[in-house]
C-alpha cells in the first residue's frame, strides 16, 4: 500500500479523518510494511493531526530502536503525551535489541510520571534478560513484580521458562512450571512447546512422549507446533504406534494441522510398509474435510499398485476428486517424489 493508494481511498470515503488515517497505518504495520508506514506518515501527517493512537500504532511495529526513538521524539515535540502502551512498545524494542539499559531507563521514566509498569512491561524485560544470558535475574524479576503489586501471568512465566530452556537448565524450567501450577495457573501449549523444542533438538524421545502424556492429562490441547515437534521426532525414531496415537488424538479432539502432520505421518507409514494404516489415516483426513497433499497421495497410490489394491486406489482417487483434483498414478516414482520435505517449524 502506497501514498497514492491512500489518496485513492480518501476519494472514496466521505469523511477521511485521523481515525481512518490510523486504521490504514495499522494495516501497514500488521503487514510488517514499516517502510511504507513511515513514508505514508511523513507524506500525510500535515493533512491529519496525529494523535496518541497514531504514534502507538507506529511504535508497536518497529524492530529498530533508532526508528522507534525517532517517532517517540517526534511525538513529544508535537505535545502528545505517552501512555503505558507507548512505553511498553519502546521497552519491547529495546529488549529485543538487547539494549537493557535503555529499557530500564524507560521504566524509570514511567515511574517518574506515576505510570506503573504492568505485566507486559515486565515480560518484555524478562525476554531481554534471556537474550543477554541472565535467566536467574529474569526469575528474580517475578518476585520484584509482586513487590510492586503486579502479578505474573502465564506469558510472564513462559518467558522465564524460555530463558532456562535456551540455557539448557531444564531443572529450573521444570521448577517454574510447577510453581506456576501451584499458583493456580495452567500451562498452555506455548509452555509445553518450550520443552518440546528442547527435546526435539536433543533427540529425546522418552521425555517428549512423557511430556505429551502430561499435557493431555492436564487437558491442554497441543497446537500445530506441538504436533510437528512430536511427529517429526516419532518419524526420526520410526515410532509408528506413537505417531498413530498422536494422530488419533488429533482426529478425536480436533487439534493441530491435519495437512502438515499427515505429510510426515503418511511418509513414516509408507516407509514402514504400513499401507493399511496409511489408507485409514488418509480416509480419516478426508472425512474431516481436509485434502491430503498430492505427494502423500501419489506415494500411497504407488504402494497400492505394488500390492494390487486397485479397488482401494479407485476409492482414494474418488475421495481426492472431491477436492477438485484427480491425479493419475505415475508409472514410476523417483526418490525425490517420495521425500517431500516437511515444512520447517
C-alpha atoms as a PDB file:
ATOM      1  CA  UNK A   1       0.000   0.000   0.000  1.00  0.00           C
ATOM      2  CA  UNK A   2       1.496   3.353  -1.096  1.00  0.00           C
ATOM      3  CA  UNK A   3       0.797   7.035  -0.591  1.00  0.00           C
ATOM      4  CA  UNK A   4      -1.065   7.032  -3.912  1.00  0.00           C
ATOM      5  CA  UNK A   5      -3.313   4.249  -2.645  1.00  0.00           C
ATOM      6  CA  UNK A   6      -4.167   6.351   0.386  1.00  0.00           C
ATOM      7  CA  UNK A   7      -5.268   9.276  -1.763  1.00  0.00           C
ATOM      8  CA  UNK A   8      -7.398   6.963  -3.926  1.00  0.00           C
ATOM      9  CA  UNK A   9      -9.011   5.564  -0.799  1.00  0.00           C
ATOM     10  CA  UNK A  10      -9.583   9.073   0.564  1.00  0.00           C
ATOM     11  CA  UNK A  11     -11.640   9.967  -2.514  1.00  0.00           C
ATOM     12  CA  UNK A  12     -13.954   7.035  -1.776  1.00  0.00           C
ATOM     13  CA  UNK A  13     -14.548   7.935   1.869  1.00  0.00           C
ATOM     14  CA  UNK A  14     -16.769  10.962   2.615  1.00  0.00           C
ATOM     15  CA  UNK A  15     -15.056  11.779   5.914  1.00  0.00           C
ATOM     16  CA  UNK A  16     -11.414  10.761   5.994  1.00  0.00           C
ATOM     17  CA  UNK A  17     -10.235  11.757   9.438  1.00  0.00           C
ATOM     18  CA  UNK A  18      -7.436  10.785  11.810  1.00  0.00           C
ATOM     19  CA  UNK A  19      -9.205   7.555  12.781  1.00  0.00           C
ATOM     20  CA  UNK A  20      -9.169   6.445   9.126  1.00  0.00           C
ATOM     21  CA  UNK A  21      -5.529   7.513   8.866  1.00  0.00           C
ATOM     22  CA  UNK A  22      -4.744   5.389  11.927  1.00  0.00           C
ATOM     23  CA  UNK A  23      -6.671   2.388  10.597  1.00  0.00           C
ATOM     24  CA  UNK A  24      -4.669   2.414   7.381  1.00  0.00           C
ATOM     25  CA  UNK A  25      -1.383   2.801   9.254  1.00  0.00           C
ATOM     26  CA  UNK A  26      -2.363  -0.139  11.455  1.00  0.00           C
ATOM     27  CA  UNK A  27      -2.919  -2.271   8.357  1.00  0.00           C
ATOM     28  CA  UNK A  28       0.576  -1.471   7.095  1.00  0.00           C
ATOM     29  CA  UNK A  29       2.132  -2.230  10.483  1.00  0.00           C
ATOM     30  CA  UNK A  30       0.275  -5.532  10.771  1.00  0.00           C
ATOM     31  CA  UNK A  31       1.592  -6.466   7.331  1.00  0.00           C
ATOM     32  CA  UNK A  32       5.122  -5.617   8.537  1.00  0.00           C
ATOM     33  CA  UNK A  33       5.365  -2.930   5.838  1.00  0.00           C
ATOM     34  CA  UNK A  34       7.052  -0.473   8.161  1.00  0.00           C
ATOM     35  CA  UNK A  35       8.927   1.418   5.465  1.00  0.00           C
ATOM     36  CA  UNK A  36       5.602   2.088   3.733  1.00  0.00           C
ATOM     37  CA  UNK A  37       4.035   3.100   7.055  1.00  0.00           C
ATOM     38  CA  UNK A  38       6.860   5.571   7.653  1.00  0.00           C
ATOM     39  CA  UNK A  39       6.533   7.059   4.156  1.00  0.00           C
ATOM     40  CA  UNK A  40       2.761   7.353   4.432  1.00  0.00           C
ATOM     41  CA  UNK A  41       3.039   9.016   7.833  1.00  0.00           C
ATOM     42  CA  UNK A  42       5.557  11.626   6.701  1.00  0.00           C
ATOM     43  CA  UNK A  43       3.699  12.393   3.448  1.00  0.00           C
ATOM     44  CA  UNK A  44       0.270  12.674   5.011  1.00  0.00           C
ATOM     45  CA  UNK A  45       0.819  13.925   8.554  1.00  0.00           C
ATOM     46  CA  UNK A  46       0.285  17.543   7.519  1.00  0.00           C
ATOM     47  CA  UNK A  47      -3.215  16.668   6.349  1.00  0.00           C
ATOM     48  CA  UNK A  48      -4.128  14.987   9.628  1.00  0.00           C
ATOM     49  CA  UNK A  49      -3.447  15.632  13.256  1.00  0.00           C
ATOM     50  CA  UNK A  50      -1.509  12.577  14.522  1.00  0.00           C
ATOM     51  CA  UNK A  51      -2.694  11.589  17.982  1.00  0.00           C
ATOM     52  CA  UNK A  52      -1.604   9.181  20.709  1.00  0.00           C
ATOM     53  CA  UNK A  53      -3.077   6.223  18.839  1.00  0.00           C
ATOM     54  CA  UNK A  54      -1.150   7.152  15.696  1.00  0.00           C
ATOM     55  CA  UNK A  55       2.189   7.001  17.465  1.00  0.00           C
ATOM     56  CA  UNK A  56       1.320   3.866  19.441  1.00  0.00           C
ATOM     57  CA  UNK A  57       0.449   2.082  16.189  1.00  0.00           C
ATOM     58  CA  UNK A  58       3.755   3.098  14.621  1.00  0.00           C
ATOM     59  CA  UNK A  59       5.844   2.329  17.708  1.00  0.00           C
ATOM     60  CA  UNK A  60       4.329  -1.143  18.051  1.00  0.00           C
ATOM     61  CA  UNK A  61       5.573  -2.109  14.589  1.00  0.00           C
ATOM     62  CA  UNK A  62       9.230  -1.137  14.735  1.00  0.00           C
ATOM     63  CA  UNK A  63      12.040  -3.613  15.331  1.00  0.00           C
ATOM     64  CA  UNK A  64      14.690  -0.910  15.020  1.00  0.00           C
ATOM     65  CA  UNK A  65      15.248   1.047  18.219  1.00  0.00           C
ATOM     66  CA  UNK A  66      16.565   4.004  16.203  1.00  0.00           C
ATOM     67  CA  UNK A  67      13.313   4.296  14.235  1.00  0.00           C
ATOM     68  CA  UNK A  68      11.242   3.866  17.393  1.00  0.00           C
ATOM     69  CA  UNK A  69      13.191   6.600  19.185  1.00  0.00           C
ATOM     70  CA  UNK A  70      12.740   8.979  16.244  1.00  0.00           C
ATOM     71  CA  UNK A  71       8.966   8.582  16.365  1.00  0.00           C
ATOM     72  CA  UNK A  72       8.968   8.889  20.145  1.00  0.00           C
ATOM     73  CA  UNK A  73      10.929  12.159  19.909  1.00  0.00           C
ATOM     74  CA  UNK A  74       8.548  13.498  17.279  1.00  0.00           C
ATOM     75  CA  UNK A  75       5.636  12.525  19.478  1.00  0.00           C
ATOM     76  CA  UNK A  76       6.999  14.638  22.342  1.00  0.00           C
ATOM     77  CA  UNK A  77       7.731  17.561  20.016  1.00  0.00           C
ATOM     78  CA  UNK A  78       4.080  17.548  18.929  1.00  0.00           C
ATOM     79  CA  UNK A  79       2.943  17.657  22.544  1.00  0.00           C
ATOM     80  CA  UNK A  80       1.393  14.179  22.524  1.00  0.00           C
ATOM     81  CA  UNK A  81       1.693  12.633  25.994  1.00  0.00           C
ATOM     82  CA  UNK A  82       2.865   8.994  26.047  1.00  0.00           C
ATOM     83  CA  UNK A  83       0.877   6.338  27.895  1.00  0.00           C
ATOM     84  CA  UNK A  84       1.736   2.836  29.093  1.00  0.00           C
ATOM     85  CA  UNK A  85       1.232   1.397  25.582  1.00  0.00           C
ATOM     86  CA  UNK A  86       3.816   3.856  24.250  1.00  0.00           C
ATOM     87  CA  UNK A  87       6.346   2.982  26.913  1.00  0.00           C
ATOM     88  CA  UNK A  88       5.752  -0.756  26.596  1.00  0.00           C
ATOM     89  CA  UNK A  89       6.400  -0.551  22.847  1.00  0.00           C
ATOM     90  CA  UNK A  90       9.696   1.256  23.474  1.00  0.00           C
ATOM     91  CA  UNK A  91      10.731  -1.233  26.157  1.00  0.00           C
ATOM     92  CA  UNK A  92       9.887  -4.153  23.876  1.00  0.00           C
ATOM     93  CA  UNK A  93      12.008  -2.873  21.004  1.00  0.00           C
ATOM     94  CA  UNK A  94      14.924  -2.081  23.346  1.00  0.00           C
ATOM     95  CA  UNK A  95      14.766  -5.531  24.946  1.00  0.00           C
ATOM     96  CA  UNK A  96      14.632  -7.323  21.607  1.00  0.00           C
ATOM     97  CA  UNK A  97      17.657  -5.291  20.573  1.00  0.00           C
ATOM     98  CA  UNK A  98      19.449  -6.265  23.813  1.00  0.00           C
ATOM     99  CA  UNK A  99      19.549  -2.640  24.939  1.00  0.00           C
ATOM    100  CA  UNK A 100      18.555  -3.345  28.531  1.00  0.00           C
ATOM    101  CA  UNK A 101      19.914  -0.088  29.958  1.00  0.00           C
ATOM    102  CA  UNK A 102      17.618   1.900  27.697  1.00  0.00           C
ATOM    103  CA  UNK A 103      14.702  -0.341  28.691  1.00  0.00           C
ATOM    104  CA  UNK A 104      15.390   0.248  32.388  1.00  0.00           C
ATOM    105  CA  UNK A 105      15.606   3.973  31.640  1.00  0.00           C
ATOM    106  CA  UNK A 106      12.099   3.904  30.188  1.00  0.00           C
ATOM    107  CA  UNK A 107      10.806   2.084  33.287  1.00  0.00           C
ATOM    108  CA  UNK A 108      12.351   4.784  35.487  1.00  0.00           C
ATOM    109  CA  UNK A 109      10.664   7.472  33.385  1.00  0.00           C
ATOM    110  CA  UNK A 110       7.322   5.686  33.687  1.00  0.00           C
ATOM    111  CA  UNK A 111       7.589   5.730  37.464  1.00  0.00           C
ATOM    112  CA  UNK A 112       8.522   9.425  37.415  1.00  0.00           C
ATOM    113  CA  UNK A 113       5.256  10.033  35.579  1.00  0.00           C
ATOM    114  CA  UNK A 114       3.282   7.819  38.001  1.00  0.00           C
ATOM    115  CA  UNK A 115       2.708   5.168  35.346  1.00  0.00           C
ATOM    116  CA  UNK A 116       3.120   1.741  36.932  1.00  0.00           C
ATOM    117  CA  UNK A 117       4.796  -0.944  34.806  1.00  0.00           C
ATOM    118  CA  UNK A 118       2.358  -3.738  34.039  1.00  0.00           C
ATOM    119  CA  UNK A 119       2.807  -7.443  33.299  1.00  0.00           C
ATOM    120  CA  UNK A 120       3.581  -6.648  29.638  1.00  0.00           C
ATOM    121  CA  UNK A 121       6.402  -4.330  30.723  1.00  0.00           C
ATOM    122  CA  UNK A 122       7.981  -6.980  32.924  1.00  0.00           C
ATOM    123  CA  UNK A 123       7.506  -9.766  30.380  1.00  0.00           C
ATOM    124  CA  UNK A 124       9.431  -7.770  27.769  1.00  0.00           C
ATOM    125  CA  UNK A 125      12.295  -7.195  30.210  1.00  0.00           C
ATOM    126  CA  UNK A 126      12.320 -10.885  31.156  1.00  0.00           C
ATOM    127  CA  UNK A 127      12.705 -11.729  27.464  1.00  0.00           C
ATOM    128  CA  UNK A 128      15.518  -9.207  27.113  1.00  0.00           C
ATOM    129  CA  UNK A 129      17.368 -10.644  30.108  1.00  0.00           C
ATOM    130  CA  UNK A 130      17.180 -14.067  28.485  1.00  0.00           C
ATOM    131  CA  UNK A 131      18.712 -12.707  25.294  1.00  0.00           C
ATOM    132  CA  UNK A 132      21.718 -11.403  27.224  1.00  0.00           C
ATOM    133  CA  UNK A 133      22.157 -14.666  29.135  1.00  0.00           C
ATOM    134  CA  UNK A 134      20.740 -13.670  32.519  1.00  0.00           C
ATOM    135  CA  UNK A 135      17.928 -16.186  33.225  1.00  0.00           C
ATOM    136  CA  UNK A 136      18.363 -16.009  37.017  1.00  0.00           C
ATOM    137  CA  UNK A 137      17.958 -12.245  37.013  1.00  0.00           C
ATOM    138  CA  UNK A 138      14.812 -12.718  34.937  1.00  0.00           C
ATOM    139  CA  UNK A 139      13.436 -15.120  37.532  1.00  0.00           C
ATOM    140  CA  UNK A 140      14.150 -12.592  40.277  1.00  0.00           C
ATOM    141  CA  UNK A 141      12.015 -10.162  38.309  1.00  0.00           C
ATOM    142  CA  UNK A 142       8.974 -12.341  39.018  1.00  0.00           C
ATOM    143  CA  UNK A 143       9.442 -11.560  42.720  1.00  0.00           C
ATOM    144  CA  UNK A 144      10.033  -7.880  42.030  1.00  0.00           C
ATOM    145  CA  UNK A 145       6.778  -7.718  40.104  1.00  0.00           C
ATOM    146  CA  UNK A 146       4.816  -8.910  43.121  1.00  0.00           C
ATOM    147  CA  UNK A 147       6.536  -6.345  45.351  1.00  0.00           C
ATOM    148  CA  UNK A 148       5.180  -3.641  43.041  1.00  0.00           C
ATOM    149  CA  UNK A 149       1.675  -5.106  43.038  1.00  0.00           C
ATOM    150  CA  UNK A 150       1.948  -6.635  39.579  1.00  0.00           C
ATOM    151  CA  UNK A 151       1.375 -10.374  39.438  1.00  0.00           C
ATOM    152  CA  UNK A 152       2.918 -12.632  36.768  1.00  0.00           C
ATOM    153  CA  UNK A 153       0.617 -14.366  34.304  1.00  0.00           C
ATOM    154  CA  UNK A 154       1.229 -17.446  32.166  1.00  0.00           C
ATOM    155  CA  UNK A 155       3.006 -15.391  29.484  1.00  0.00           C
ATOM    156  CA  UNK A 156       5.436 -13.975  32.071  1.00  0.00           C
ATOM    157  CA  UNK A 157       6.206 -17.448  33.410  1.00  0.00           C
ATOM    158  CA  UNK A 158       6.628 -18.752  29.870  1.00  0.00           C
ATOM    159  CA  UNK A 159       9.174 -16.019  29.194  1.00  0.00           C
ATOM    160  CA  UNK A 160      11.272 -17.115  32.192  1.00  0.00           C
ATOM    161  CA  UNK A 161      10.873 -20.796  31.288  1.00  0.00           C
ATOM    162  CA  UNK A 162      12.022 -19.989  27.752  1.00  0.00           C
ATOM    163  CA  UNK A 163      15.188 -18.409  29.135  1.00  0.00           C
ATOM    164  CA  UNK A 164      16.045 -21.542  31.113  1.00  0.00           C
ATOM    165  CA  UNK A 165      15.271 -23.787  28.153  1.00  0.00           C
ATOM    166  CA  UNK A 166      17.595 -21.745  25.961  1.00  0.00           C
ATOM    167  CA  UNK A 167      20.260 -22.063  28.675  1.00  0.00           C
ATOM    168  CA  UNK A 168      19.534 -25.837  28.803  1.00  0.00           C
ATOM    169  CA  UNK A 169      18.747 -25.617  32.509  1.00  0.00           C
ATOM    170  CA  UNK A 170      15.707 -27.836  32.406  1.00  0.00           C
ATOM    171  CA  UNK A 171      15.538 -28.461  36.154  1.00  0.00           C
ATOM    172  CA  UNK A 172      14.944 -24.742  36.705  1.00  0.00           C
ATOM    173  CA  UNK A 173      12.411 -24.706  33.882  1.00  0.00           C
ATOM    174  CA  UNK A 174      10.524 -27.666  35.401  1.00  0.00           C
ATOM    175  CA  UNK A 175      10.543 -25.913  38.771  1.00  0.00           C
ATOM    176  CA  UNK A 176       8.972 -22.795  37.273  1.00  0.00           C
ATOM    177  CA  UNK A 177       6.233 -24.774  35.585  1.00  0.00           C
ATOM    178  CA  UNK A 178       5.444 -26.431  38.923  1.00  0.00           C
ATOM    179  CA  UNK A 179       5.431 -23.021  40.618  1.00  0.00           C
ATOM    180  CA  UNK A 180       3.055 -21.682  38.015  1.00  0.00           C
ATOM    181  CA  UNK A 181       0.672 -24.604  38.562  1.00  0.00           C
ATOM    182  CA  UNK A 182       0.878 -24.202  42.352  1.00  0.00           C
ATOM    183  CA  UNK A 183      -0.402 -20.643  41.927  1.00  0.00           C
ATOM    184  CA  UNK A 184      -3.460 -21.823  40.029  1.00  0.00           C
ATOM    185  CA  UNK A 185      -2.194 -21.027  36.532  1.00  0.00           C
ATOM    186  CA  UNK A 186      -2.438 -23.739  33.883  1.00  0.00           C
ATOM    187  CA  UNK A 187       0.468 -24.072  31.444  1.00  0.00           C
ATOM    188  CA  UNK A 188      -0.681 -23.507  27.875  1.00  0.00           C
ATOM    189  CA  UNK A 189       0.513 -25.022  24.592  1.00  0.00           C
ATOM    190  CA  UNK A 190       3.316 -22.462  24.425  1.00  0.00           C
ATOM    191  CA  UNK A 191       4.573 -23.612  27.838  1.00  0.00           C
ATOM    192  CA  UNK A 192       4.819 -27.213  26.654  1.00  0.00           C
ATOM    193  CA  UNK A 193       6.302 -26.252  23.274  1.00  0.00           C
ATOM    194  CA  UNK A 194       9.272 -24.671  25.039  1.00  0.00           C
ATOM    195  CA  UNK A 195      10.142 -28.144  26.330  1.00  0.00           C
ATOM    196  CA  UNK A 196       9.173 -29.980  23.138  1.00  0.00           C
ATOM    197  CA  UNK A 197      11.634 -27.796  21.247  1.00  0.00           C
ATOM    198  CA  UNK A 198      14.483 -28.777  23.578  1.00  0.00           C
ATOM    199  CA  UNK A 199      13.518 -32.462  23.431  1.00  0.00           C
ATOM    200  CA  UNK A 200      13.315 -32.367  19.638  1.00  0.00           C
ATOM    201  CA  UNK A 201      16.742 -30.853  19.145  1.00  0.00           C
ATOM    202  CA  UNK A 202      18.298 -33.136  21.777  1.00  0.00           C
ATOM    203  CA  UNK A 203      16.594 -36.148  20.153  1.00  0.00           C
ATOM    204  CA  UNK A 204      14.942 -37.004  23.474  1.00  0.00           C
ATOM    205  CA  UNK A 205      12.071 -39.311  22.564  1.00  0.00           C
ATOM    206  CA  UNK A 206      11.278 -40.532  26.075  1.00  0.00           C
ATOM    207  CA  UNK A 207      10.826 -37.098  27.627  1.00  0.00           C
ATOM    208  CA  UNK A 208       8.845 -35.901  24.581  1.00  0.00           C
ATOM    209  CA  UNK A 209       6.429 -38.805  24.929  1.00  0.00           C
ATOM    210  CA  UNK A 210       6.134 -38.391  28.710  1.00  0.00           C
ATOM    211  CA  UNK A 211       5.528 -34.665  28.357  1.00  0.00           C
ATOM    212  CA  UNK A 212       2.891 -35.255  25.695  1.00  0.00           C
ATOM    213  CA  UNK A 213       1.061 -37.580  28.092  1.00  0.00           C
ATOM    214  CA  UNK A 214       1.329 -34.995  30.847  1.00  0.00           C
ATOM    215  CA  UNK A 215      -0.052 -32.335  28.536  1.00  0.00           C
ATOM    216  CA  UNK A 216      -3.057 -34.436  27.536  1.00  0.00           C
ATOM    217  CA  UNK A 217      -3.746 -35.480  31.134  1.00  0.00           C
ATOM    218  CA  UNK A 218      -3.802 -31.805  32.105  1.00  0.00           C
ATOM    219  CA  UNK A 219      -6.422 -31.111  29.436  1.00  0.00           C
ATOM    220  CA  UNK A 220      -4.134 -28.799  27.459  1.00  0.00           C
ATOM    221  CA  UNK A 221      -4.565 -29.490  23.762  1.00  0.00           C
ATOM    222  CA  UNK A 222      -1.409 -29.318  21.632  1.00  0.00           C
ATOM    223  CA  UNK A 223      -1.241 -26.788  18.827  1.00  0.00           C
ATOM    224  CA  UNK A 224       0.292 -27.299  15.392  1.00  0.00           C
ATOM    225  CA  UNK A 225       3.813 -26.524  16.603  1.00  0.00           C
ATOM    226  CA  UNK A 226       3.496 -29.129  19.380  1.00  0.00           C
ATOM    227  CA  UNK A 227       2.323 -31.737  16.871  1.00  0.00           C
ATOM    228  CA  UNK A 228       5.152 -31.020  14.446  1.00  0.00           C
ATOM    229  CA  UNK A 229       7.850 -31.344  17.109  1.00  0.00           C
ATOM    230  CA  UNK A 230       6.335 -34.676  18.128  1.00  0.00           C
ATOM    231  CA  UNK A 231       5.531 -36.236  14.745  1.00  0.00           C
ATOM    232  CA  UNK A 232       8.938 -35.384  13.298  1.00  0.00           C
ATOM    233  CA  UNK A 233      10.647 -36.932  16.311  1.00  0.00           C
ATOM    234  CA  UNK A 234       8.463 -40.049  16.052  1.00  0.00           C
ATOM    235  CA  UNK A 235       9.385 -40.364  12.373  1.00  0.00           C
ATOM    236  CA  UNK A 236      13.069 -39.987  13.167  1.00  0.00           C
ATOM    237  CA  UNK A 237      12.815 -42.883  15.622  1.00  0.00           C
ATOM    238  CA  UNK A 238      10.380 -44.870  13.420  1.00  0.00           C
ATOM    239  CA  UNK A 239       7.809 -45.000  16.238  1.00  0.00           C
ATOM    240  CA  UNK A 240       4.624 -45.899  14.370  1.00  0.00           C
ATOM    241  CA  UNK A 241       2.488 -46.544  17.457  1.00  0.00           C
ATOM    242  CA  UNK A 242       3.368 -43.173  18.992  1.00  0.00           C
ATOM    243  CA  UNK A 243       2.686 -41.409  15.699  1.00  0.00           C
ATOM    244  CA  UNK A 244      -0.693 -43.113  15.336  1.00  0.00           C
ATOM    245  CA  UNK A 245      -1.601 -42.259  18.930  1.00  0.00           C
ATOM    246  CA  UNK A 246      -0.902 -38.586  18.232  1.00  0.00           C
ATOM    247  CA  UNK A 247      -2.935 -38.771  15.017  1.00  0.00           C
ATOM    248  CA  UNK A 248      -5.876 -40.498  16.691  1.00  0.00           C
ATOM    249  CA  UNK A 249      -5.871 -37.866  19.432  1.00  0.00           C
ATOM    250  CA  UNK A 250      -5.899 -35.153  16.774  1.00  0.00           C
ATOM    251  CA  UNK A 251      -8.838 -36.763  14.981  1.00  0.00           C
ATOM    252  CA  UNK A 252     -10.763 -37.291  18.211  1.00  0.00           C
ATOM    253  CA  UNK A 253     -10.119 -33.922  19.851  1.00  0.00           C
ATOM    254  CA  UNK A 254      -9.659 -31.708  16.788  1.00  0.00           C
ATOM    255  CA  UNK A 255      -6.293 -30.056  17.415  1.00  0.00           C
ATOM    256  CA  UNK A 256      -3.294 -29.404  15.173  1.00  0.00           C
ATOM    257  CA  UNK A 257      -2.918 -29.149  11.402  1.00  0.00           C
ATOM    258  CA  UNK A 258      -4.039 -32.327   9.640  1.00  0.00           C
ATOM    259  CA  UNK A 259      -2.281 -31.274   6.460  1.00  0.00           C
ATOM    260  CA  UNK A 260       1.173 -30.656   7.980  1.00  0.00           C
ATOM    261  CA  UNK A 261       1.108 -33.636  10.346  1.00  0.00           C
ATOM    262  CA  UNK A 262      -0.300 -36.057   7.760  1.00  0.00           C
ATOM    263  CA  UNK A 263       2.595 -35.402   5.380  1.00  0.00           C
ATOM    264  CA  UNK A 264       5.076 -36.640   7.993  1.00  0.00           C
ATOM    265  CA  UNK A 265       2.811 -39.413   9.288  1.00  0.00           C
ATOM    266  CA  UNK A 266       1.988 -40.872   5.886  1.00  0.00           C
ATOM    267  CA  UNK A 267       5.645 -40.700   4.926  1.00  0.00           C
ATOM    268  CA  UNK A 268       6.517 -42.699   8.044  1.00  0.00           C
ATOM    269  CA  UNK A 269       3.758 -45.266   7.441  1.00  0.00           C
ATOM    270  CA  UNK A 270       4.814 -45.750   3.834  1.00  0.00           C
ATOM    271  CA  UNK A 271       8.471 -46.113   4.850  1.00  0.00           C
ATOM    272  CA  UNK A 272       7.480 -48.815   7.345  1.00  0.00           C
ATOM    273  CA  UNK A 273       5.184 -50.616   4.905  1.00  0.00           C
ATOM    274  CA  UNK A 274       2.063 -49.831   6.966  1.00  0.00           C
ATOM    275  CA  UNK A 275      -0.269 -49.471   3.996  1.00  0.00           C
ATOM    276  CA  UNK A 276      -3.487 -50.362   5.844  1.00  0.00           C
ATOM    277  CA  UNK A 277      -2.772 -47.719   8.491  1.00  0.00           C
ATOM    278  CA  UNK A 278      -1.819 -45.172   5.845  1.00  0.00           C
ATOM    279  CA  UNK A 279      -5.085 -45.731   3.980  1.00  0.00           C
ATOM    280  CA  UNK A 280      -7.083 -45.375   7.204  1.00  0.00           C
ATOM    281  CA  UNK A 281      -5.364 -42.087   8.138  1.00  0.00           C
ATOM    282  CA  UNK A 282      -5.852 -40.804   4.603  1.00  0.00           C
ATOM    283  CA  UNK A 283      -9.595 -41.516   4.747  1.00  0.00           C
ATOM    284  CA  UNK A 284      -9.932 -40.035   8.240  1.00  0.00           C
ATOM    285  CA  UNK A 285      -8.401 -36.845   6.966  1.00  0.00           C
ATOM    286  CA  UNK A 286     -10.764 -36.670   4.001  1.00  0.00           C
ATOM    287  CA  UNK A 287     -13.749 -37.311   6.277  1.00  0.00           C
ATOM    288  CA  UNK A 288     -12.659 -34.273   8.311  1.00  0.00           C
ATOM    289  CA  UNK A 289     -12.774 -32.186   5.146  1.00  0.00           C
ATOM    290  CA  UNK A 290      -9.014 -31.803   4.680  1.00  0.00           C
ATOM    291  CA  UNK A 291      -7.241 -32.591   1.419  1.00  0.00           C
ATOM    292  CA  UNK A 292      -4.103 -34.738   1.754  1.00  0.00           C
ATOM    293  CA  UNK A 293      -1.100 -33.404  -0.123  1.00  0.00           C
ATOM    294  CA  UNK A 294      -0.543 -34.618  -3.678  1.00  0.00           C
ATOM    295  CA  UNK A 295       2.832 -36.041  -2.661  1.00  0.00           C
ATOM    296  CA  UNK A 296       1.265 -38.258   0.026  1.00  0.00           C
ATOM    297  CA  UNK A 297      -1.497 -39.269  -2.373  1.00  0.00           C
ATOM    298  CA  UNK A 298       0.926 -40.310  -5.100  1.00  0.00           C
ATOM    299  CA  UNK A 299       3.090 -42.281  -2.736  1.00  0.00           C
ATOM    300  CA  UNK A 300       0.201 -44.274  -1.278  1.00  0.00           C
ATOM    301  CA  UNK A 301      -1.088 -44.981  -4.809  1.00  0.00           C
ATOM    302  CA  UNK A 302       2.247 -46.383  -5.899  1.00  0.00           C
ATOM    303  CA  UNK A 303       2.411 -48.708  -2.880  1.00  0.00           C
ATOM    304  CA  UNK A 304      -1.174 -49.802  -3.501  1.00  0.00           C
ATOM    305  CA  UNK A 305      -0.333 -50.578  -7.118  1.00  0.00           C
ATOM    306  CA  UNK A 306       2.536 -52.760  -5.973  1.00  0.00           C
ATOM    307  CA  UNK A 307       0.106 -54.549  -3.620  1.00  0.00           C
ATOM    308  CA  UNK A 308      -2.514 -54.864  -6.407  1.00  0.00           C
ATOM    309  CA  UNK A 309      -5.067 -52.941  -4.315  1.00  0.00           C
ATOM    310  CA  UNK A 310      -6.890 -51.483  -7.301  1.00  0.00           C
ATOM    311  CA  UNK A 311     -10.235 -51.034  -5.534  1.00  0.00           C
ATOM    312  CA  UNK A 312      -8.531 -49.040  -2.797  1.00  0.00           C
ATOM    313  CA  UNK A 313      -6.785 -46.885  -5.412  1.00  0.00           C
ATOM    314  CA  UNK A 314     -10.100 -46.151  -7.079  1.00  0.00           C
ATOM    315  CA  UNK A 315     -11.637 -45.240  -3.719  1.00  0.00           C
ATOM    316  CA  UNK A 316      -8.825 -42.832  -2.840  1.00  0.00           C
ATOM    317  CA  UNK A 317      -8.951 -41.263  -6.312  1.00  0.00           C
ATOM    318  CA  UNK A 318     -12.670 -40.623  -5.894  1.00  0.00           C
ATOM    319  CA  UNK A 319     -12.030 -39.061  -2.495  1.00  0.00           C
ATOM    320  CA  UNK A 320      -9.373 -36.763  -3.920  1.00  0.00           C
ATOM    321  CA  UNK A 321     -11.702 -35.811  -6.767  1.00  0.00           C
ATOM    322  CA  UNK A 322     -13.997 -34.270  -4.149  1.00  0.00           C
ATOM    323  CA  UNK A 323     -11.357 -31.569  -3.692  1.00  0.00           C
ATOM    324  CA  UNK A 324     -11.255 -30.843  -7.403  1.00  0.00           C
ATOM    325  CA  UNK A 325      -8.200 -32.843  -8.386  1.00  0.00           C
ATOM    326  CA  UNK A 326      -7.799 -36.350  -9.687  1.00  0.00           C
ATOM    327  CA  UNK A 327      -4.205 -37.454 -10.078  1.00  0.00           C
ATOM    328  CA  UNK A 328      -3.230 -40.391 -12.248  1.00  0.00           C
ATOM    329  CA  UNK A 329      -0.762 -42.714 -10.633  1.00  0.00           C
ATOM    330  CA  UNK A 330       2.659 -42.263 -12.244  1.00  0.00           C
ATOM    331  CA  UNK A 331       4.249 -45.285 -13.867  1.00  0.00           C
ATOM    332  CA  UNK A 332       7.324 -44.802 -11.721  1.00  0.00           C
ATOM    333  CA  UNK A 333       8.436 -42.506  -8.964  1.00  0.00           C
ATOM    334  CA  UNK A 334      11.927 -41.344  -8.263  1.00  0.00           C
ATOM    335  CA  UNK A 335      13.346 -40.813  -4.809  1.00  0.00           C
ATOM    336  CA  UNK A 336      12.677 -37.093  -4.918  1.00  0.00           C
ATOM    337  CA  UNK A 337       8.910 -37.683  -5.193  1.00  0.00           C
ATOM    338  CA  UNK A 338       8.976 -39.832  -2.061  1.00  0.00           C
ATOM    339  CA  UNK A 339      10.802 -37.392   0.141  1.00  0.00           C
ATOM    340  CA  UNK A 340       8.666 -34.292   0.212  1.00  0.00           C
ATOM    341  CA  UNK A 341      10.302 -32.025   2.791  1.00  0.00           C
ATOM    342  CA  UNK A 342       8.261 -31.321   5.901  1.00  0.00           C
ATOM    343  CA  UNK A 343       7.631 -27.596   6.419  1.00  0.00           C
ATOM    344  CA  UNK A 344      10.092 -26.205   8.916  1.00  0.00           C
ATOM    345  CA  UNK A 345       8.868 -25.022  12.303  1.00  0.00           C
END
